[in-house]
Every structure is written in C-alpha cells, then in structure tokens.
Amino acid sequence: MTTINPARHMKIDDRAVSLTVGYPADIAVFRKEEFMTQFGDRTFNDSSVQLRYGKYVYRCVMTVKNGEVVYRDVMF
C-alpha cells in the first residue's frame, strides 16, 4: 500500500493502512487516460517546475471521505 510509510511516520500505522471494516478510510480513485496532442507527448510541470513529458494523465473519478462519496465524476 502506498499509505504505509506516511502512516508509520505519523505513528498511526496500526489503524490507518487497510481498507477494512472499522478502519478510517479516505480514498481517491483515479482513471489512467491516454493524453497526447497532435504534436506528440503532453508536457507537464512537476512540483519543482521542471518540464516533464508524458503520454498519460490520471483523472480523479471518485473521492471517499469518512466512508461517504464526496466527489464522483459523472462519467464514472
């Protein structure tokens, strides 16, 4: 799981790293989409403003907070 290392750092790994009944669960679901332009790969800036190239984009299609759906893409 991608949450185990941050949870260990925050000392909550005994209760916050599993999608299990009774555990807290805030999750986001993403869809991988091909995203190329007529000129080729799409360009992006990363968090340090470095130019990156890629063929895919990840779109959030659903967000669940405290067990309730708080966002859902109408196409999902």
C-alpha atoms as a PDB file:
ATOM      1  CA  MET A   1       0.000   0.000   0.000  1.00  0.00           C
ATOM      2  CA  THR A   2       1.184   3.481  -0.695  1.00  0.00           C
ATOM      3  CA  THR A   3      -0.040   4.705   2.696  1.00  0.00           C
ATOM      4  CA  ILE A   4       2.150   2.543   4.956  1.00  0.00           C
ATOM      5  CA  ASN A   5       5.272   4.764   5.039  1.00  0.00           C
ATOM      6  CA  PRO A   6       3.433   8.047   5.757  1.00  0.00           C
ATOM      7  CA  ALA A   7       1.301   6.219   8.348  1.00  0.00           C
ATOM      8  CA  ARG A   8       4.426   4.856  10.059  1.00  0.00           C
ATOM      9  CA  HIS A   9       5.898   8.350  10.103  1.00  0.00           C
ATOM     10  CA  MET A  10       2.747   9.679  11.791  1.00  0.00           C
ATOM     11  CA  LYS A  11       2.668   6.632  14.124  1.00  0.00           C
ATOM     12  CA  ILE A  12      -0.835   5.611  13.031  1.00  0.00           C
ATOM     13  CA  ASP A  13       0.129   2.515  11.029  1.00  0.00           C
ATOM     14  CA  ASP A  14      -1.728   0.285  13.497  1.00  0.00           C
ATOM     15  CA  ARG A  15      -5.069   1.643  12.305  1.00  0.00           C
ATOM     16  CA  ALA A  16      -4.761   3.629   9.066  1.00  0.00           C
ATOM     17  CA  VAL A  17      -3.358   1.406   6.342  1.00  0.00           C
ATOM     18  CA  SER A  18      -6.084  -1.051   5.495  1.00  0.00           C
ATOM     19  CA  LEU A  19      -9.420  -0.897   3.721  1.00  0.00           C
ATOM     20  CA  THR A  20     -11.060  -2.908   6.470  1.00  0.00           C
ATOM     21  CA  VAL A  21     -14.413  -2.514   8.198  1.00  0.00           C
ATOM     22  CA  GLY A  22     -13.915  -0.268  11.217  1.00  0.00           C
ATOM     23  CA  TYR A  23     -10.759   1.434   9.910  1.00  0.00           C
ATOM     24  CA  PRO A  24     -10.830   5.085   8.812  1.00  0.00           C
ATOM     25  CA  ALA A  25     -10.770   5.338   5.017  1.00  0.00           C
ATOM     26  CA  ASP A  26     -10.295   8.384   2.851  1.00  0.00           C
ATOM     27  CA  ILE A  27      -9.535   7.229  -0.680  1.00  0.00           C
ATOM     28  CA  ALA A  28      -9.304   8.649  -4.171  1.00  0.00           C
ATOM     29  CA  VAL A  29      -9.893   6.582  -7.312  1.00  0.00           C
ATOM     30  CA  PHE A  30      -8.081   7.611 -10.491  1.00  0.00           C
ATOM     31  CA  ARG A  31      -8.503   6.629 -14.131  1.00  0.00           C
ATOM     32  CA  LYS A  32      -5.450   6.482 -16.397  1.00  0.00           C
ATOM     33  CA  GLU A  33      -6.157   8.122 -19.752  1.00  0.00           C
ATOM     34  CA  GLU A  34      -4.013   8.457 -22.813  1.00  0.00           C
ATOM     35  CA  PHE A  35      -3.469  12.167 -23.373  1.00  0.00           C
ATOM     36  CA  MET A  36      -1.407  13.042 -26.395  1.00  0.00           C
ATOM     37  CA  THR A  37      -1.586  16.109 -28.571  1.00  0.00           C
ATOM     38  CA  GLN A  38      -1.245  16.255 -32.334  1.00  0.00           C
ATOM     39  CA  PHE A  39       2.439  17.079 -31.726  1.00  0.00           C
ATOM     40  CA  GLY A  40       3.150  14.031 -29.531  1.00  0.00           C
ATOM     41  CA  ASP A  41       3.572  13.692 -25.793  1.00  0.00           C
ATOM     42  CA  ARG A  42       1.858  16.110 -23.419  1.00  0.00           C
ATOM     43  CA  THR A  43       4.105  18.425 -21.410  1.00  0.00           C
ATOM     44  CA  PHE A  44       3.719  18.964 -17.669  1.00  0.00           C
ATOM     45  CA  ASN A  45       5.494  20.919 -14.949  1.00  0.00           C
ATOM     46  CA  ASP A  46       6.334  18.932 -11.823  1.00  0.00           C
ATOM     47  CA  SER A  47       6.266  20.351  -8.280  1.00  0.00           C
ATOM     48  CA  SER A  48       9.725  21.876  -8.744  1.00  0.00           C
ATOM     49  CA  VAL A  49       8.616  23.480 -12.044  1.00  0.00           C
ATOM     50  CA  GLN A  50      10.744  21.139 -14.165  1.00  0.00           C
ATOM     51  CA  LEU A  51       9.319  20.358 -17.587  1.00  0.00           C
ATOM     52  CA  ARG A  52       8.237  16.709 -17.992  1.00  0.00           C
ATOM     53  CA  TYR A  53       6.753  14.779 -20.883  1.00  0.00           C
ATOM     54  CA  GLY A  54       4.130  12.075 -20.722  1.00  0.00           C
ATOM     55  CA  LYS A  55       1.546  10.159 -22.682  1.00  0.00           C
ATOM     56  CA  TYR A  56      -0.938   9.695 -19.864  1.00  0.00           C
ATOM     57  CA  VAL A  57      -2.903  11.739 -17.392  1.00  0.00           C
ATOM     58  CA  TYR A  58      -4.598  10.477 -14.238  1.00  0.00           C
ATOM     59  CA  ARG A  59      -8.059  11.895 -13.624  1.00  0.00           C
ATOM     60  CA  CYS A  60      -9.783  11.641 -10.277  1.00  0.00           C
ATOM     61  CA  VAL A  61     -13.100   9.865 -10.790  1.00  0.00           C
ATOM     62  CA  MET A  62     -14.196   9.407  -7.174  1.00  0.00           C
ATOM     63  CA  THR A  63     -13.232  10.592  -3.689  1.00  0.00           C
ATOM     64  CA  VAL A  64     -14.441   8.953  -0.484  1.00  0.00           C
ATOM     65  CA  LYS A  65     -14.060  10.742   2.861  1.00  0.00           C
ATOM     66  CA  ASN A  66     -15.110   9.199   6.158  1.00  0.00           C
ATOM     67  CA  GLY A  67     -16.891   6.451   4.239  1.00  0.00           C
ATOM     68  CA  GLU A  68     -19.020   8.817   2.141  1.00  0.00           C
ATOM     69  CA  VAL A  69     -18.597   9.611  -1.546  1.00  0.00           C
ATOM     70  CA  VAL A  70     -17.855  13.342  -1.670  1.00  0.00           C
ATOM     71  CA  TYR A  71     -16.919  13.535  -5.370  1.00  0.00           C
ATOM     72  CA  ARG A  72     -17.875  11.394  -8.331  1.00  0.00           C
ATOM     73  CA  ASP A  73     -17.112  12.120 -11.964  1.00  0.00           C
ATOM     74  CA  VAL A  74     -20.376  11.914 -13.902  1.00  0.00           C
ATOM     75  CA  MET A  75     -18.684   9.655 -16.467  1.00  0.00           C
ATOM     76  CA  PHE A  76     -17.552   7.099 -13.848  1.00  0.00           C
END
